Amino acid sequence: MRLPIKMKIAALACSLFVTACTTTPVASPTPYKSAVTKEGYGYSSVQLTDNEYRVLFKATDRTPADIIQQFALRRAAELANKHNYEWLAVIKTDVDKKPVMARAVTHNTDKPQPFATNQQCTMSGCTEVAEPAPGQGQNTVTQTQINDIYFSVLVRMSNTQSSLGKNAISVTEILADQVDKVK
């Protein structure tokens, strides 16, 4: 069965609309998670040498800077632990930001308006019927400009603290600190 050209165009337009809505970022803090796609929010990493990684955390500017740094360090510690390293050192950090359009979802917090009342009369008498005002308690979605934050760290990993120098950080301490913050 062949679909008419107008139906094909309508289906294509609908799929483009849905795709545009789902790929537009939301103007809210970014949680700790893996970036699902290359352009996605969250952490990703690239192994540069046997014991060096570049860890990137992409977030919205609604995520506090110290949280973004903690997320990148947490991911570096997870990688070090996975590869049986006990220590890591941050060699270099980079921060970049790029403006993007995002969806801002706001909830109407106005005081509820009193119910409108109407008088309905029948043969047996009249009664007042209340009707809620339309639009109370609804969310509003607007477009707003935010910045995508790209925070990357170059980390070197080792099993000896002395090989990394004064910047060495214990992997177990980083991971234990993250567990304490989750509780």
N, C-alpha and C. Protein backbone atom coordinates (compact mmCIF):
# COMPACT_ATOMS: atom_id res chain seq x y z
N MET A 1 0.84 -1.18 0.00
CA MET A 1 0.00 0.00 0.00
C MET A 1 0.88 1.24 0.00
N ARG A 2 0.66 2.12 -0.92
CA ARG A 2 1.46 3.35 -1.03
C ARG A 2 0.73 4.48 -0.33
N LEU A 3 1.52 5.25 0.43
CA LEU A 3 0.96 6.40 1.12
C LEU A 3 1.01 7.61 0.21
N PRO A 4 0.01 8.45 0.25
CA PRO A 4 0.04 9.68 -0.55
C PRO A 4 1.20 10.56 -0.09
N ILE A 5 1.71 11.35 -0.99
CA ILE A 5 2.85 12.23 -0.72
C ILE A 5 2.58 13.18 0.43
N LYS A 6 1.34 13.68 0.56
CA LYS A 6 1.01 14.60 1.66
C LYS A 6 1.16 13.91 3.01
N MET A 7 0.78 12.63 3.09
CA MET A 7 0.92 11.89 4.35
C MET A 7 2.39 11.68 4.69
N LYS A 8 3.20 11.41 3.67
CA LYS A 8 4.64 11.23 3.90
C LYS A 8 5.26 12.53 4.42
N ILE A 9 4.88 13.65 3.83
CA ILE A 9 5.40 14.95 4.26
C ILE A 9 4.95 15.25 5.68
N ALA A 10 3.69 14.96 5.99
CA ALA A 10 3.18 15.19 7.35
C ALA A 10 3.91 14.32 8.37
N ALA A 11 4.17 13.08 8.02
CA ALA A 11 4.90 12.18 8.93
C ALA A 11 6.32 12.67 9.15
N LEU A 12 6.97 13.14 8.09
CA LEU A 12 8.33 13.67 8.20
C LEU A 12 8.34 14.92 9.07
N ALA A 13 7.37 15.81 8.88
CA ALA A 13 7.29 17.04 9.68
C ALA A 13 7.08 16.70 11.16
N CYS A 14 6.21 15.74 11.44
CA CYS A 14 5.98 15.34 12.84
C CYS A 14 7.24 14.76 13.46
N SER A 15 7.96 13.92 12.72
CA SER A 15 9.17 13.33 13.29
C SER A 15 10.25 14.38 13.52
N LEU A 16 10.35 15.37 12.63
CA LEU A 16 11.31 16.46 12.83
C LEU A 16 10.94 17.29 14.05
N PHE A 17 9.66 17.54 14.24
CA PHE A 17 9.20 18.31 15.40
C PHE A 17 9.53 17.58 16.70
N VAL A 18 9.25 16.28 16.74
CA VAL A 18 9.53 15.49 17.95
C VAL A 18 11.03 15.45 18.21
N THR A 19 11.84 15.27 17.16
CA THR A 19 13.29 15.25 17.32
C THR A 19 13.80 16.58 17.84
N ALA A 20 13.29 17.68 17.32
CA ALA A 20 13.73 19.00 17.77
C ALA A 20 13.40 19.21 19.24
N CYS A 21 12.25 18.76 19.66
CA CYS A 21 11.86 18.92 21.07
C CYS A 21 12.72 18.08 22.00
N THR A 22 13.08 16.88 21.57
CA THR A 22 13.84 16.01 22.45
C THR A 22 15.32 16.34 22.47
N THR A 23 15.85 17.02 21.45
CA THR A 23 17.27 17.35 21.44
C THR A 23 17.56 18.73 21.99
N THR A 24 16.54 19.52 22.25
CA THR A 24 16.74 20.83 22.85
C THR A 24 17.05 20.64 24.32
N PRO A 25 18.16 21.21 24.82
CA PRO A 25 18.48 21.01 26.23
C PRO A 25 17.48 21.69 27.15
N VAL A 26 17.40 21.20 28.35
CA VAL A 26 16.54 21.79 29.37
C VAL A 26 17.42 22.65 30.27
N ALA A 27 16.95 23.86 30.56
CA ALA A 27 17.72 24.79 31.39
C ALA A 27 17.60 24.39 32.86
N SER A 28 18.28 23.31 33.22
CA SER A 28 18.29 22.83 34.60
C SER A 28 19.65 22.21 34.88
N PRO A 29 20.00 22.00 36.15
CA PRO A 29 21.30 21.40 36.48
C PRO A 29 21.46 20.02 35.86
N THR A 30 22.69 19.68 35.49
CA THR A 30 22.99 18.39 34.89
C THR A 30 23.38 17.40 35.98
N PRO A 31 22.73 16.23 36.03
CA PRO A 31 23.09 15.23 37.04
C PRO A 31 24.35 14.46 36.62
N TYR A 32 24.91 13.70 37.56
CA TYR A 32 26.06 12.85 37.26
C TYR A 32 25.57 11.66 36.46
N LYS A 33 26.00 11.59 35.21
CA LYS A 33 25.59 10.49 34.34
C LYS A 33 26.55 10.42 33.16
N SER A 34 26.50 9.32 32.45
CA SER A 34 27.30 9.16 31.25
C SER A 34 26.64 9.92 30.11
N ALA A 35 27.46 10.56 29.28
CA ALA A 35 26.93 11.22 28.08
C ALA A 35 26.55 10.12 27.09
N VAL A 36 25.29 10.05 26.74
CA VAL A 36 24.79 8.97 25.89
C VAL A 36 25.26 9.14 24.45
N THR A 37 25.36 10.38 23.99
CA THR A 37 25.83 10.66 22.63
C THR A 37 27.03 11.60 22.72
N LYS A 38 27.66 11.82 21.58
CA LYS A 38 28.81 12.72 21.55
C LYS A 38 28.43 14.13 22.00
N GLU A 39 27.22 14.56 21.69
CA GLU A 39 26.75 15.90 22.06
C GLU A 39 26.00 15.91 23.38
N GLY A 40 25.85 14.76 24.02
CA GLY A 40 25.03 14.64 25.22
C GLY A 40 25.67 15.24 26.46
N TYR A 41 24.84 15.45 27.47
CA TYR A 41 25.28 15.98 28.75
C TYR A 41 25.75 14.84 29.64
N GLY A 42 26.80 15.11 30.43
CA GLY A 42 27.34 14.11 31.34
C GLY A 42 28.82 13.91 31.07
N TYR A 43 29.36 12.79 31.59
CA TYR A 43 30.79 12.55 31.46
C TYR A 43 31.12 11.67 30.27
N SER A 44 32.34 11.86 29.77
CA SER A 44 32.92 10.99 28.75
C SER A 44 34.43 11.02 28.99
N SER A 45 35.15 10.08 28.40
CA SER A 45 36.59 10.05 28.60
C SER A 45 37.29 9.44 27.40
N VAL A 46 38.57 9.80 27.27
CA VAL A 46 39.41 9.28 26.20
C VAL A 46 40.73 8.86 26.84
N GLN A 47 41.17 7.63 26.54
CA GLN A 47 42.46 7.17 27.05
C GLN A 47 43.54 7.70 26.13
N LEU A 48 44.52 8.43 26.69
CA LEU A 48 45.60 9.03 25.91
C LEU A 48 46.85 8.16 25.91
N THR A 49 47.20 7.60 27.06
CA THR A 49 48.31 6.66 27.19
C THR A 49 47.85 5.56 28.14
N ASP A 50 48.78 4.67 28.52
CA ASP A 50 48.41 3.60 29.45
C ASP A 50 47.85 4.13 30.76
N ASN A 51 48.40 5.26 31.22
CA ASN A 51 47.97 5.77 32.54
C ASN A 51 47.48 7.22 32.50
N GLU A 52 47.11 7.71 31.33
CA GLU A 52 46.58 9.08 31.22
C GLU A 52 45.24 9.07 30.50
N TYR A 53 44.32 9.86 31.05
CA TYR A 53 42.99 10.01 30.47
C TYR A 53 42.61 11.48 30.42
N ARG A 54 41.80 11.82 29.44
CA ARG A 54 41.13 13.12 29.43
C ARG A 54 39.67 12.83 29.76
N VAL A 55 39.20 13.44 30.84
CA VAL A 55 37.81 13.26 31.28
C VAL A 55 37.08 14.57 31.01
N LEU A 56 35.95 14.48 30.32
CA LEU A 56 35.14 15.66 29.99
C LEU A 56 33.80 15.53 30.69
N PHE A 57 33.35 16.63 31.27
CA PHE A 57 31.98 16.68 31.79
C PHE A 57 31.29 17.86 31.15
N LYS A 58 30.23 17.58 30.40
CA LYS A 58 29.44 18.63 29.76
C LYS A 58 28.19 18.86 30.58
N ALA A 59 27.94 20.13 30.92
CA ALA A 59 26.79 20.47 31.76
C ALA A 59 26.19 21.79 31.30
N THR A 60 25.01 22.09 31.80
CA THR A 60 24.43 23.41 31.57
C THR A 60 25.01 24.37 32.60
N ASP A 61 24.90 25.67 32.32
CA ASP A 61 25.42 26.65 33.28
C ASP A 61 24.55 26.74 34.53
N ARG A 62 23.47 25.99 34.59
CA ARG A 62 22.64 25.92 35.79
C ARG A 62 23.25 24.95 36.82
N THR A 63 24.31 24.24 36.43
CA THR A 63 25.02 23.34 37.33
C THR A 63 26.16 24.13 37.97
N PRO A 64 26.25 24.18 39.31
CA PRO A 64 27.33 24.93 39.95
C PRO A 64 28.71 24.44 39.52
N ALA A 65 29.66 25.37 39.37
CA ALA A 65 31.01 25.05 38.89
C ALA A 65 31.71 24.02 39.78
N ASP A 66 31.56 24.13 41.09
CA ASP A 66 32.23 23.16 41.98
C ASP A 66 31.66 21.76 41.81
N ILE A 67 30.39 21.65 41.49
CA ILE A 67 29.77 20.34 41.26
C ILE A 67 30.31 19.74 39.96
N ILE A 68 30.45 20.55 38.93
CA ILE A 68 31.01 20.07 37.65
C ILE A 68 32.41 19.52 37.88
N GLN A 69 33.23 20.24 38.65
CA GLN A 69 34.59 19.79 38.94
C GLN A 69 34.57 18.48 39.73
N GLN A 70 33.68 18.37 40.70
CA GLN A 70 33.58 17.13 41.49
C GLN A 70 33.16 15.96 40.62
N PHE A 71 32.24 16.20 39.69
CA PHE A 71 31.79 15.13 38.79
C PHE A 71 32.94 14.64 37.91
N ALA A 72 33.76 15.56 37.38
CA ALA A 72 34.90 15.17 36.53
C ALA A 72 35.92 14.38 37.35
N LEU A 73 36.21 14.84 38.56
CA LEU A 73 37.17 14.14 39.42
C LEU A 73 36.63 12.77 39.83
N ARG A 74 35.35 12.70 40.10
CA ARG A 74 34.72 11.41 40.44
C ARG A 74 34.87 10.42 39.30
N ARG A 75 34.63 10.87 38.07
CA ARG A 75 34.77 9.97 36.92
C ARG A 75 36.22 9.53 36.74
N ALA A 76 37.16 10.45 36.96
CA ALA A 76 38.58 10.10 36.87
C ALA A 76 38.93 9.03 37.90
N ALA A 77 38.41 9.17 39.11
CA ALA A 77 38.67 8.17 40.16
C ALA A 77 38.04 6.83 39.81
N GLU A 78 36.85 6.84 39.22
CA GLU A 78 36.21 5.59 38.80
C GLU A 78 37.06 4.88 37.75
N LEU A 79 37.61 5.64 36.80
CA LEU A 79 38.47 5.05 35.78
C LEU A 79 39.75 4.49 36.40
N ALA A 80 40.36 5.25 37.31
CA ALA A 80 41.57 4.79 37.98
C ALA A 80 41.29 3.49 38.75
N ASN A 81 40.20 3.46 39.46
CA ASN A 81 39.82 2.27 40.22
C ASN A 81 39.57 1.08 39.29
N LYS A 82 38.92 1.33 38.19
CA LYS A 82 38.62 0.27 37.21
C LYS A 82 39.91 -0.36 36.67
N HIS A 83 40.95 0.47 36.52
CA HIS A 83 42.23 -0.01 35.97
C HIS A 83 43.24 -0.31 37.07
N ASN A 84 42.74 -0.45 38.30
CA ASN A 84 43.54 -0.85 39.46
C ASN A 84 44.66 0.13 39.84
N TYR A 85 44.42 1.41 39.64
CA TYR A 85 45.36 2.43 40.11
C TYR A 85 44.89 2.95 41.46
N GLU A 86 45.85 3.29 42.32
CA GLU A 86 45.52 3.77 43.66
C GLU A 86 45.60 5.28 43.79
N TRP A 87 46.30 5.93 42.88
CA TRP A 87 46.52 7.38 42.96
C TRP A 87 46.27 8.02 41.61
N LEU A 88 45.88 9.28 41.64
CA LEU A 88 45.77 10.05 40.40
C LEU A 88 46.19 11.49 40.68
N ALA A 89 46.57 12.17 39.62
CA ALA A 89 46.93 13.59 39.73
C ALA A 89 46.30 14.32 38.55
N VAL A 90 45.75 15.48 38.83
CA VAL A 90 45.20 16.33 37.77
C VAL A 90 46.36 17.12 37.18
N ILE A 91 46.63 16.90 35.91
CA ILE A 91 47.75 17.54 35.23
C ILE A 91 47.33 18.88 34.64
N LYS A 92 46.13 18.92 34.07
CA LYS A 92 45.66 20.13 33.39
C LYS A 92 44.14 20.17 33.41
N THR A 93 43.58 21.37 33.50
CA THR A 93 42.13 21.53 33.39
C THR A 93 41.82 22.56 32.31
N ASP A 94 40.70 22.39 31.66
CA ASP A 94 40.23 23.33 30.65
C ASP A 94 38.73 23.55 30.85
N VAL A 95 38.30 24.78 30.64
CA VAL A 95 36.88 25.11 30.71
C VAL A 95 36.52 25.90 29.47
N ASP A 96 35.42 25.53 28.85
CA ASP A 96 34.93 26.25 27.69
C ASP A 96 33.42 26.38 27.85
N LYS A 97 32.87 27.45 27.32
CA LYS A 97 31.41 27.58 27.35
C LYS A 97 30.92 28.07 26.01
N LYS A 98 29.75 27.56 25.63
CA LYS A 98 29.14 27.91 24.35
C LYS A 98 27.67 28.20 24.57
N PRO A 99 27.17 29.32 24.02
CA PRO A 99 25.75 29.64 24.19
C PRO A 99 24.87 28.71 23.35
N VAL A 100 23.75 28.31 23.94
CA VAL A 100 22.75 27.48 23.25
C VAL A 100 21.36 27.91 23.68
N MET A 101 20.39 27.58 22.87
CA MET A 101 18.99 27.82 23.24
C MET A 101 18.49 26.57 23.96
N ALA A 102 17.74 26.80 25.04
CA ALA A 102 17.24 25.69 25.84
C ALA A 102 15.79 25.93 26.22
N ARG A 103 15.16 24.85 26.70
CA ARG A 103 13.79 24.95 27.19
C ARG A 103 13.83 25.24 28.68
N ALA A 104 13.08 26.24 29.10
CA ALA A 104 12.92 26.53 30.53
C ALA A 104 11.49 26.20 30.91
N VAL A 105 11.34 25.31 31.86
CA VAL A 105 10.01 24.89 32.31
C VAL A 105 9.73 25.58 33.64
N THR A 106 8.67 26.37 33.66
CA THR A 106 8.29 27.06 34.90
C THR A 106 6.88 26.63 35.29
N HIS A 107 6.68 26.54 36.58
CA HIS A 107 5.37 26.15 37.11
C HIS A 107 4.67 27.39 37.62
N ASN A 108 3.42 27.55 37.26
CA ASN A 108 2.64 28.70 37.70
C ASN A 108 2.40 28.57 39.20
N THR A 109 2.99 29.48 39.96
CA THR A 109 2.85 29.42 41.43
C THR A 109 1.90 30.49 41.96
N ASP A 110 1.12 31.09 41.08
CA ASP A 110 0.16 32.10 41.54
C ASP A 110 -0.84 31.46 42.49
N LYS A 111 -1.37 32.29 43.38
CA LYS A 111 -2.41 31.79 44.28
C LYS A 111 -3.61 31.35 43.45
N PRO A 112 -4.20 30.23 43.82
CA PRO A 112 -5.37 29.80 43.06
C PRO A 112 -6.50 30.82 43.15
N GLN A 113 -7.12 31.03 42.02
CA GLN A 113 -8.24 31.96 42.00
C GLN A 113 -9.48 31.25 42.52
N PRO A 114 -10.38 32.02 43.12
CA PRO A 114 -11.60 31.37 43.62
C PRO A 114 -12.38 30.77 42.45
N PHE A 115 -13.10 29.71 42.77
CA PHE A 115 -13.91 29.07 41.75
C PHE A 115 -15.02 30.02 41.29
N ALA A 116 -15.24 30.02 40.00
CA ALA A 116 -16.36 30.80 39.46
C ALA A 116 -17.65 30.01 39.73
N THR A 117 -18.66 30.69 40.16
CA THR A 117 -19.92 30.00 40.45
C THR A 117 -20.99 30.44 39.47
N ASN A 118 -21.78 29.48 39.10
CA ASN A 118 -22.93 29.73 38.22
C ASN A 118 -24.17 29.19 38.92
N GLN A 119 -25.27 29.86 38.69
CA GLN A 119 -26.53 29.39 39.27
C GLN A 119 -27.26 28.58 38.21
N GLN A 120 -27.60 27.34 38.59
CA GLN A 120 -28.35 26.48 37.69
C GLN A 120 -29.73 26.24 38.31
N CYS A 121 -30.75 26.49 37.53
CA CYS A 121 -32.12 26.35 38.04
C CYS A 121 -32.86 25.27 37.27
N THR A 122 -33.61 24.50 38.00
CA THR A 122 -34.47 23.48 37.42
C THR A 122 -35.86 23.65 38.00
N MET A 123 -36.77 22.75 37.69
CA MET A 123 -38.14 22.82 38.20
C MET A 123 -38.17 22.72 39.73
N SER A 124 -37.18 22.03 40.30
CA SER A 124 -37.20 21.83 41.75
C SER A 124 -36.45 22.92 42.51
N GLY A 125 -35.85 23.87 41.84
CA GLY A 125 -35.17 24.95 42.53
C GLY A 125 -33.84 25.29 41.88
N CYS A 126 -33.12 26.20 42.52
CA CYS A 126 -31.84 26.67 41.99
C CYS A 126 -30.69 26.24 42.91
N THR A 127 -29.55 25.91 42.30
CA THR A 127 -28.33 25.59 43.05
C THR A 127 -27.15 26.30 42.39
N GLU A 128 -26.11 26.54 43.19
CA GLU A 128 -24.90 27.15 42.64
C GLU A 128 -23.90 26.05 42.34
N VAL A 129 -23.30 26.11 41.16
CA VAL A 129 -22.32 25.13 40.71
C VAL A 129 -21.00 25.85 40.51
N ALA A 130 -19.92 25.31 41.10
CA ALA A 130 -18.59 25.92 40.97
C ALA A 130 -17.82 25.26 39.83
N GLU A 131 -17.09 26.09 39.09
CA GLU A 131 -16.26 25.60 37.99
C GLU A 131 -14.85 26.16 38.17
N PRO A 132 -13.83 25.31 38.08
CA PRO A 132 -12.47 25.82 38.23
C PRO A 132 -12.10 26.71 37.04
N ALA A 133 -11.28 27.71 37.32
CA ALA A 133 -10.81 28.58 36.25
C ALA A 133 -9.79 27.82 35.42
N PRO A 134 -9.81 27.96 34.11
CA PRO A 134 -8.86 27.23 33.27
C PRO A 134 -7.44 27.75 33.47
N GLY A 135 -6.46 26.84 33.32
CA GLY A 135 -5.07 27.24 33.32
C GLY A 135 -4.39 27.29 34.67
N GLN A 136 -5.05 26.93 35.75
CA GLN A 136 -4.40 26.99 37.06
C GLN A 136 -3.45 25.81 37.21
N GLY A 137 -2.26 26.08 37.79
CA GLY A 137 -1.30 25.02 38.08
C GLY A 137 -0.67 24.39 36.87
N GLN A 138 -0.54 25.13 35.79
CA GLN A 138 0.04 24.56 34.59
C GLN A 138 1.50 24.95 34.45
N ASN A 139 2.27 24.11 33.75
CA ASN A 139 3.66 24.42 33.45
C ASN A 139 3.73 25.22 32.17
N THR A 140 4.71 26.11 32.11
CA THR A 140 4.94 26.90 30.91
C THR A 140 6.34 26.59 30.40
N VAL A 141 6.47 26.30 29.12
CA VAL A 141 7.77 26.03 28.52
C VAL A 141 8.13 27.22 27.64
N THR A 142 9.29 27.80 27.91
CA THR A 142 9.77 28.94 27.11
C THR A 142 11.18 28.65 26.63
N GLN A 143 11.60 29.35 25.60
CA GLN A 143 12.96 29.25 25.10
C GLN A 143 13.82 30.28 25.82
N THR A 144 15.02 29.87 26.24
CA THR A 144 15.93 30.79 26.91
C THR A 144 17.36 30.45 26.49
N GLN A 145 18.23 31.45 26.52
CA GLN A 145 19.62 31.19 26.18
C GLN A 145 20.39 30.82 27.44
N ILE A 146 21.12 29.71 27.36
CA ILE A 146 22.00 29.28 28.45
C ILE A 146 23.37 29.00 27.84
N ASN A 147 24.31 28.62 28.67
CA ASN A 147 25.63 28.22 28.19
C ASN A 147 25.86 26.75 28.50
N ASP A 148 26.39 26.03 27.52
CA ASP A 148 26.88 24.69 27.77
C ASP A 148 28.29 24.84 28.31
N ILE A 149 28.60 24.16 29.40
CA ILE A 149 29.91 24.21 30.01
C ILE A 149 30.63 22.91 29.70
N TYR A 150 31.84 23.02 29.16
CA TYR A 150 32.68 21.87 28.86
C TYR A 150 33.88 21.93 29.80
N PHE A 151 33.92 21.05 30.79
CA PHE A 151 35.02 21.03 31.75
C PHE A 151 35.80 19.75 31.53
N SER A 152 37.09 19.88 31.22
CA SER A 152 37.89 18.68 31.01
C SER A 152 39.11 18.69 31.91
N VAL A 153 39.50 17.50 32.33
CA VAL A 153 40.70 17.32 33.13
C VAL A 153 41.57 16.26 32.48
N LEU A 154 42.87 16.54 32.47
CA LEU A 154 43.85 15.55 32.05
C LEU A 154 44.39 14.94 33.33
N VAL A 155 44.21 13.64 33.51
CA VAL A 155 44.65 12.97 34.73
C VAL A 155 45.68 11.90 34.42
N ARG A 156 46.65 11.80 35.32
CA ARG A 156 47.66 10.75 35.25
C ARG A 156 47.43 9.84 36.44
N MET A 157 47.54 8.54 36.23
CA MET A 157 47.25 7.56 37.28
C MET A 157 48.49 6.73 37.58
N SER A 158 48.60 6.30 38.85
CA SER A 158 49.75 5.51 39.27
C SER A 158 49.39 4.70 40.51
N ASN A 159 50.25 3.72 40.81
CA ASN A 159 50.07 2.95 42.04
C ASN A 159 50.97 3.46 43.16
N THR A 160 51.82 4.44 42.86
CA THR A 160 52.67 5.03 43.89
C THR A 160 52.42 6.53 43.95
N GLN A 161 52.28 7.02 45.15
CA GLN A 161 52.02 8.44 45.36
C GLN A 161 53.20 9.29 44.91
N SER A 162 54.41 8.81 45.18
CA SER A 162 55.62 9.58 44.87
C SER A 162 55.81 9.81 43.38
N SER A 163 55.33 8.90 42.53
CA SER A 163 55.51 9.07 41.09
C SER A 163 54.66 10.21 40.52
N LEU A 164 53.64 10.63 41.27
CA LEU A 164 52.77 11.71 40.80
C LEU A 164 53.09 13.05 41.45
N GLY A 165 53.94 13.04 42.46
CA GLY A 165 54.35 14.30 43.10
C GLY A 165 53.33 14.81 44.09
N LYS A 166 53.42 16.12 44.36
CA LYS A 166 52.60 16.73 45.41
C LYS A 166 51.11 16.81 45.05
N ASN A 167 50.76 16.64 43.78
CA ASN A 167 49.35 16.73 43.36
C ASN A 167 48.62 15.39 43.43
N ALA A 168 49.27 14.36 43.97
CA ALA A 168 48.65 13.03 44.03
C ALA A 168 47.45 13.03 44.96
N ILE A 169 46.38 12.39 44.51
CA ILE A 169 45.14 12.27 45.29
C ILE A 169 44.80 10.78 45.36
N SER A 170 44.40 10.34 46.54
CA SER A 170 44.02 8.94 46.74
C SER A 170 42.68 8.65 46.05
N VAL A 171 42.68 7.62 45.22
CA VAL A 171 41.45 7.22 44.52
C VAL A 171 40.38 6.78 45.52
N THR A 172 40.77 6.02 46.53
CA THR A 172 39.78 5.55 47.51
C THR A 172 39.17 6.71 48.29
N GLU A 173 39.97 7.75 48.58
CA GLU A 173 39.42 8.92 49.29
C GLU A 173 38.41 9.67 48.43
N ILE A 174 38.70 9.81 47.14
CA ILE A 174 37.76 10.50 46.24
C ILE A 174 36.45 9.73 46.19
N LEU A 175 36.55 8.42 45.99
CA LEU A 175 35.34 7.62 45.88
C LEU A 175 34.57 7.56 47.20
N ALA A 176 35.28 7.51 48.32
CA ALA A 176 34.61 7.51 49.63
C ALA A 176 33.90 8.84 49.87
N ASP A 177 34.53 9.93 49.46
CA ASP A 177 33.93 11.26 49.61
C ASP A 177 32.65 11.36 48.80
N GLN A 178 32.63 10.76 47.61
CA GLN A 178 31.44 10.79 46.76
C GLN A 178 30.31 9.99 47.39
N VAL A 179 30.64 8.86 48.04
CA VAL A 179 29.62 8.04 48.69
C VAL A 179 29.00 8.82 49.84
N ASP A 180 29.83 9.54 50.61
CA ASP A 180 29.32 10.35 51.72
C ASP A 180 28.35 11.41 51.23
N LYS A 181 28.61 12.01 50.07
CA LYS A 181 27.75 13.08 49.54
C LYS A 181 26.42 12.54 49.04
N VAL A 182 26.41 11.28 48.61
CA VAL A 182 25.18 10.68 48.10
C VAL A 182 24.22 10.38 49.26
N LYS A 183 24.76 10.03 50.42
CA LYS A 183 23.92 9.65 51.57
C LYS A 183 23.09 10.78 52.08
